[in-house]
């Protein structure tokens, strides 16, 4: 069994590869070029937002597809200048990990996905072979053989356990021309919707209203038609008794106008977007998945079925 890597890494400006058999890499390149182009076309304007949030895509291919069994994970990535392409880790050979219909646990796949996330976060990379450092090696499940015949012997009167081994071997052999692809459920970031972004409101006029000037005593008597500065006036003089004009009560100045509430106080803030719960997804079929299937995987539960992506 051989472990290899192929694709793009943020620390490098071109494709990189190490450990992948030449025949497998040539077929992988040809399929990715065609399938990714179809996926971009299927996603349309969503492609820019979907790719960075796409899940790790696990896969298992029977030996009838590329000449030998292949298992691995495909992670969304980009190179140093931002060109998007996956980084693919894989194991090849007849002793590659068994298909998920035989070993549903797929512990090696989980470890492989964690390894891919770790190396993609590295800012520096010397050699492509460094991407394989610390990569766990898978173990082959018992009875997961693609041999045309099976002979087995066990102590005891019952042959039931031998039939179980034969069932695994038959399942493995039947999968030779099939491939299995799946993602694990996880919480993903919500894709932004430009229609949900409203333009900011203009701020309200918060300038205080100017209070009118207070009215003085002479203004009051002038309004009543009385000239208080006339010497012949019966109201003139220091002692006017009952005819003296009453001392005007002080007129309170109007209270300054309250500031108008700002726009932020007049609107109800929008609730934060809830995280998207990405479901687990599975595809199985003869040969390799189409670009529409890849788009379905990339976009997760935001696409209800394959008809939504063409």
Protein backbone atom coordinates (compact mmCIF):
# COMPACT_ATOMS: atom_id res chain seq x y z
CA UNK A 1 0.00 0.00 0.00
CA UNK A 2 1.28 3.46 -0.93
CA UNK A 3 0.36 6.78 0.68
CA UNK A 4 0.36 9.87 -1.50
CA UNK A 5 -0.77 13.48 -1.85
CA UNK A 6 -1.73 15.61 -4.85
CA UNK A 7 -3.23 19.06 -5.41
CA UNK A 8 -2.78 22.61 -4.14
CA UNK A 9 -1.42 24.05 -0.89
CA UNK A 10 -1.52 27.71 0.28
CA UNK A 11 2.28 27.77 0.68
CA UNK A 12 2.98 26.82 -2.94
CA UNK A 13 2.20 28.49 -6.25
CA UNK A 14 1.72 25.39 -8.37
CA UNK A 15 0.48 21.81 -8.25
CA UNK A 16 2.32 19.44 -5.97
CA UNK A 17 2.37 15.69 -5.64
CA UNK A 18 4.23 12.91 -3.90
CA UNK A 19 3.77 9.17 -3.56
CA UNK A 20 0.84 8.79 -5.99
CA UNK A 21 1.38 6.14 -8.70
CA UNK A 22 1.72 7.80 -12.12
CA UNK A 23 -1.22 5.93 -13.63
CA UNK A 24 -3.49 6.89 -10.72
CA UNK A 25 -2.38 10.54 -10.77
CA UNK A 26 -3.06 10.88 -14.50
CA UNK A 27 -6.61 9.58 -14.09
CA UNK A 28 -7.17 11.67 -10.96
CA UNK A 29 -6.08 14.84 -12.78
CA UNK A 30 -8.30 14.16 -15.79
CA UNK A 31 -11.36 13.47 -13.65
CA UNK A 32 -10.84 16.48 -11.37
CA UNK A 33 -10.38 18.87 -14.31
CA UNK A 34 -13.70 17.82 -15.84
CA UNK A 35 -15.73 17.31 -12.66
CA UNK A 36 -14.67 20.57 -10.99
CA UNK A 37 -15.50 22.55 -14.14
CA UNK A 38 -18.98 21.01 -14.15
CA UNK A 39 -19.38 21.69 -10.41
CA UNK A 40 -18.48 25.37 -10.86
CA UNK A 41 -21.00 25.68 -13.67
CA UNK A 42 -23.68 23.93 -11.61
CA UNK A 43 -23.13 26.20 -8.60
CA UNK A 44 -22.95 29.40 -10.64
CA UNK A 45 -22.67 32.52 -8.48
CA UNK A 46 -22.63 30.36 -5.33
CA UNK A 47 -19.24 28.89 -6.20
CA UNK A 48 -17.24 31.73 -4.59
CA UNK A 49 -18.97 31.32 -1.22
CA UNK A 50 -19.38 27.54 -1.29
CA UNK A 51 -15.81 26.43 -2.00
CA UNK A 52 -14.10 27.79 1.17
CA UNK A 53 -16.85 26.26 3.35
CA UNK A 54 -17.02 22.92 1.51
CA UNK A 55 -16.60 19.81 3.68
CA UNK A 56 -13.85 17.22 3.42
CA UNK A 57 -15.01 14.64 0.90
CA UNK A 58 -14.08 11.04 1.74
CA UNK A 59 -13.92 8.41 -0.99
CA UNK A 60 -13.22 4.77 -1.78
CA UNK A 61 -12.74 3.49 -5.34
CA UNK A 62 -12.72 -0.13 -6.44
CA UNK A 63 -9.78 -1.44 -8.44
CA UNK A 64 -11.90 -1.65 -11.57
CA UNK A 65 -11.94 2.17 -11.90
CA UNK A 66 -8.27 3.24 -11.85
CA UNK A 67 -6.57 -0.14 -11.92
CA UNK A 68 -6.12 -0.48 -8.16
CA UNK A 69 -8.14 0.26 -5.06
CA UNK A 70 -7.93 3.87 -3.88
CA UNK A 71 -9.15 5.43 -0.63
CA UNK A 72 -8.67 8.92 0.74
CA UNK A 73 -10.00 12.39 1.39
CA UNK A 74 -10.33 15.52 -0.75
CA UNK A 75 -10.12 18.87 1.07
CA UNK A 76 -10.93 22.31 -0.44
CA UNK A 77 -7.75 24.34 -0.87
CA UNK A 78 -6.05 27.03 -2.93
CA UNK A 79 -2.49 27.87 -3.90
CA UNK A 80 -0.39 30.86 -2.89
CA UNK A 81 -2.04 33.21 -5.41
CA UNK A 82 -5.60 32.08 -4.65
CA UNK A 83 -6.29 29.57 -7.44
CA UNK A 84 -8.76 27.02 -6.09
CA UNK A 85 -8.16 23.29 -6.28
CA UNK A 86 -8.45 20.46 -3.74
CA UNK A 87 -5.64 18.84 -1.78
CA UNK A 88 -6.09 15.06 -2.01
CA UNK A 89 -4.60 12.46 0.34
CA UNK A 90 -4.96 8.84 -0.71
CA UNK A 91 -3.86 5.26 -0.16
CA UNK A 92 -3.54 2.93 -3.14
CA UNK A 93 -3.14 -0.82 -3.63
CA UNK A 94 -5.05 -4.00 -2.92
CA UNK A 95 -4.30 -3.62 0.78
CA UNK A 96 -5.87 -0.14 0.86
CA UNK A 97 -8.60 0.38 3.47
CA UNK A 98 -11.89 -1.48 2.87
CA UNK A 99 -15.00 0.24 1.52
CA UNK A 100 -17.43 1.77 4.02
CA UNK A 101 -20.01 -0.94 3.39
CA UNK A 102 -17.57 -3.34 5.10
CA UNK A 103 -15.99 -1.02 7.66
CA UNK A 104 -18.52 1.72 8.46
CA UNK A 105 -16.38 3.08 11.31
CA UNK A 106 -13.63 4.39 9.01
CA UNK A 107 -11.31 5.44 11.85
CA UNK A 108 -8.47 5.98 9.39
CA UNK A 109 -10.63 8.34 7.34
CA UNK A 110 -11.35 10.44 10.43
CA UNK A 111 -7.63 10.63 11.25
CA UNK A 112 -6.86 11.47 7.62
CA UNK A 113 -9.34 14.37 7.61
CA UNK A 114 -7.81 15.79 10.79
CA UNK A 115 -4.34 15.49 9.23
CA UNK A 116 -5.48 17.34 6.09
CA UNK A 117 -6.89 20.21 8.14
CA UNK A 118 -3.64 20.42 10.10
CA UNK A 119 -1.30 20.65 7.10
CA UNK A 120 -3.54 23.10 5.24
CA UNK A 121 -3.17 25.49 8.17
CA UNK A 122 0.63 25.51 7.80
CA UNK A 123 2.00 28.75 6.39
CA UNK A 124 5.28 27.19 5.24
CA UNK A 125 6.02 24.03 3.27
CA UNK A 126 9.44 22.86 2.13
CA UNK A 127 8.78 19.66 0.19
CA UNK A 128 5.51 17.93 -0.81
CA UNK A 129 6.71 14.83 1.04
CA UNK A 130 6.46 16.84 4.27
CA UNK A 131 2.67 16.73 3.90
CA UNK A 132 2.78 12.99 4.58
CA UNK A 133 4.80 13.28 7.79
CA UNK A 134 2.76 11.89 10.66
CA UNK A 135 0.05 10.55 8.36
CA UNK A 136 -1.46 7.41 9.96
CA UNK A 137 -1.39 4.18 7.99
CA UNK A 138 -4.67 2.30 7.60
CA UNK A 139 -5.20 -1.31 8.59
CA UNK A 140 -7.04 -3.77 6.41
CA UNK A 141 -10.25 -5.19 7.84
CA UNK A 142 -10.36 -8.91 8.45
CA UNK A 143 -11.98 -10.76 5.56
CA UNK A 144 -11.91 -7.68 3.29
CA UNK A 145 -10.36 -9.43 0.32
CA UNK A 146 -11.28 -9.20 -3.35
CA UNK A 147 -10.07 -12.72 -4.17
CA UNK A 148 -12.24 -14.72 -6.54
CA UNK A 149 -12.17 -17.73 -4.21
CA UNK A 150 -12.09 -18.08 -0.45
CA UNK A 151 -11.03 -21.10 1.59
CA UNK A 152 -11.18 -21.05 5.36
CA UNK A 153 -11.14 -23.48 8.27
CA UNK A 154 -12.23 -22.99 11.87
CA UNK A 155 -12.43 -25.26 14.84
CA UNK A 156 -15.94 -26.19 15.91
CA UNK A 157 -19.09 -27.70 14.47
CA UNK A 158 -20.65 -24.51 13.06
CA UNK A 159 -19.78 -22.97 9.71
CA UNK A 160 -21.78 -19.77 10.32
CA UNK A 161 -18.77 -17.57 11.04
CA UNK A 162 -17.11 -18.80 7.84
CA UNK A 163 -20.13 -17.65 5.84
CA UNK A 164 -19.80 -14.24 7.47
CA UNK A 165 -16.22 -14.04 6.22
CA UNK A 166 -17.40 -15.11 2.77
CA UNK A 167 -20.08 -12.41 2.78
CA UNK A 168 -17.43 -9.75 3.42
CA UNK A 169 -15.29 -11.12 0.60
CA UNK A 170 -18.26 -11.13 -1.79
CA UNK A 171 -19.17 -7.55 -0.86
CA UNK A 172 -15.58 -6.46 -1.42
CA UNK A 173 -15.43 -8.18 -4.80
CA UNK A 174 -18.78 -6.75 -5.87
CA UNK A 175 -17.46 -3.25 -5.12
CA UNK A 176 -14.59 -3.54 -7.61
CA UNK A 177 -16.30 -1.30 -10.19
CA UNK A 178 -18.05 0.99 -7.72
CA UNK A 179 -17.01 4.05 -5.76
CA UNK A 180 -18.29 5.40 -2.45
CA UNK A 181 -18.21 9.08 -1.47
CA UNK A 182 -19.35 10.66 1.78
CA UNK A 183 -19.08 13.63 4.12
CA UNK A 184 -19.45 13.76 7.87
CA UNK A 185 -22.09 16.01 9.44
CA UNK A 186 -20.75 19.20 10.96
CA UNK A 187 -21.54 22.83 11.77
CA UNK A 188 -20.67 25.14 8.89
CA UNK A 189 -20.67 28.90 8.46
CA UNK A 190 -23.75 30.48 6.88
CA UNK A 191 -23.24 31.76 3.35
CA UNK A 192 -23.88 35.56 3.16
CA UNK A 193 -26.92 36.73 1.23
CA UNK A 194 -26.44 40.22 -0.26
CA UNK A 195 -30.23 40.75 -0.20
CA UNK A 196 -30.15 40.54 3.59
CA UNK A 197 -27.76 43.49 3.89
CA UNK A 198 -29.85 46.70 4.15
CA UNK A 199 -28.22 50.11 3.55
CA UNK A 200 -27.63 52.17 6.71
CA UNK A 201 -30.36 54.63 7.65
CA UNK A 202 -29.60 58.36 7.67
CA UNK A 203 -29.18 59.65 11.26
CA UNK A 204 -32.09 61.61 12.69
CA UNK A 205 -31.78 65.39 13.26
CA UNK A 206 -30.70 65.60 16.88
CA UNK A 207 -30.12 69.40 17.08
CA UNK A 208 -32.08 70.87 20.07
CA UNK A 209 -34.93 73.26 19.29
CA UNK A 210 -34.01 76.86 20.17
CA UNK A 211 -36.14 78.20 23.08
CA UNK A 212 -37.84 81.63 22.58
CA UNK A 213 -36.45 84.60 24.52
CA UNK A 214 -38.31 85.32 27.83
CA UNK A 215 -40.82 88.19 27.81
CA UNK A 216 -39.83 91.14 30.13
CA UNK A 217 -42.13 93.41 32.20
CA UNK A 218 -42.36 96.24 29.70
CA UNK A 219 -43.42 93.85 26.98
CA UNK A 220 -46.33 92.63 29.12
CA UNK A 221 -47.74 96.13 29.75
CA UNK A 222 -47.14 97.12 26.17
CA UNK A 223 -49.32 94.22 25.12
CA UNK A 224 -52.02 95.59 27.47
CA UNK A 225 -51.85 99.09 25.87
CA UNK A 226 -50.30 100.72 28.96
CA UNK A 227 -47.31 103.07 28.66
CA UNK A 228 -45.49 102.67 31.93
CA UNK A 229 -42.94 105.38 31.13
CA UNK A 230 -45.61 108.18 30.68
CA UNK A 231 -45.46 110.71 33.59
CA UNK A 232 -49.20 111.54 33.19
CA UNK A 233 -50.17 107.95 33.45
CA UNK A 234 -52.23 107.07 36.51
CA UNK A 235 -49.94 104.15 36.93
CA UNK A 236 -46.80 106.32 37.14
CA UNK A 237 -45.27 107.12 40.49
CA UNK A 238 -43.80 105.25 43.38
CA UNK A 239 -47.02 104.66 45.40
CA UNK A 240 -49.94 103.64 43.30
CA UNK A 241 -51.87 101.54 45.80
CA UNK A 242 -54.57 99.44 44.23
CA UNK A 243 -53.94 100.98 40.82
CA UNK A 244 -50.33 99.84 40.67
CA UNK A 245 -49.82 97.15 38.17
CA UNK A 246 -49.24 93.83 39.87
CA UNK A 247 -45.72 92.60 39.91
CA UNK A 248 -45.49 90.21 37.04
CA UNK A 249 -44.83 86.62 37.98
CA UNK A 250 -41.58 85.32 36.63
CA UNK A 251 -42.22 83.53 33.39
CA UNK A 252 -40.34 80.24 33.28
CA UNK A 253 -38.21 79.62 30.27
CA UNK A 254 -39.42 76.75 28.12
CA UNK A 255 -37.57 73.53 28.77
CA UNK A 256 -35.13 72.65 26.03
CA UNK A 257 -36.48 70.17 23.54
CA UNK A 258 -35.47 66.55 24.12
CA UNK A 259 -33.02 65.15 21.71
CA UNK A 260 -34.67 62.96 19.10
CA UNK A 261 -33.69 59.32 19.43
CA UNK A 262 -31.01 58.18 17.08
CA UNK A 263 -31.83 55.81 14.26
CA UNK A 264 -30.35 52.85 16.13
CA UNK A 265 -32.88 53.42 18.95
CA UNK A 266 -35.78 53.40 16.51
CA UNK A 267 -35.03 50.07 14.87
CA UNK A 268 -35.02 46.52 16.16
CA UNK A 269 -31.62 44.89 15.59
CA UNK A 270 -31.69 41.77 13.45
CA UNK A 271 -31.04 38.49 15.20
CA UNK A 272 -27.65 36.93 14.39
CA UNK A 273 -27.71 34.22 11.74
CA UNK A 274 -27.95 30.73 13.20
CA UNK A 275 -25.13 28.35 12.27
CA UNK A 276 -25.88 25.91 9.51
CA UNK A 277 -25.94 22.26 10.56
CA UNK A 278 -24.44 20.34 7.66
CA UNK A 279 -25.81 16.79 7.43
CA UNK A 280 -23.84 13.68 6.56
CA UNK A 281 -24.07 12.85 2.85
CA UNK A 282 -23.42 9.61 0.95
CA UNK A 283 -23.18 8.74 -2.73
CA UNK A 284 -22.44 5.31 -4.22
CA UNK A 285 -22.45 4.23 -7.84
CA UNK A 286 -20.66 2.71 -10.79
CA UNK A 287 -17.55 4.63 -11.75
CA UNK A 288 -17.00 8.20 -10.55
CA UNK A 289 -19.46 10.93 -9.48
CA UNK A 290 -20.34 13.74 -11.87
CA UNK A 291 -19.72 17.43 -11.33
CA UNK A 292 -23.35 17.85 -10.27
CA UNK A 293 -22.79 15.32 -7.48
CA UNK A 294 -19.68 17.20 -6.36
CA UNK A 295 -21.70 20.44 -6.29
CA UNK A 296 -24.29 18.67 -4.12
CA UNK A 297 -21.54 17.62 -1.70
CA UNK A 298 -19.87 21.05 -1.68
CA UNK A 299 -23.06 22.94 -0.92
CA UNK A 300 -24.36 20.47 1.64
CA UNK A 301 -27.94 20.74 2.89
CA UNK A 302 -28.42 24.10 1.12
CA UNK A 303 -29.23 21.99 -1.96
CA UNK A 304 -32.25 19.73 -1.49
CA UNK A 305 -31.56 17.36 -4.38
CA UNK A 306 -29.49 17.01 -7.51
CA UNK A 307 -32.14 18.73 -9.64
CA UNK A 308 -31.24 21.99 -7.85
CA UNK A 309 -27.76 21.99 -9.34
CA UNK A 310 -28.52 20.75 -12.84
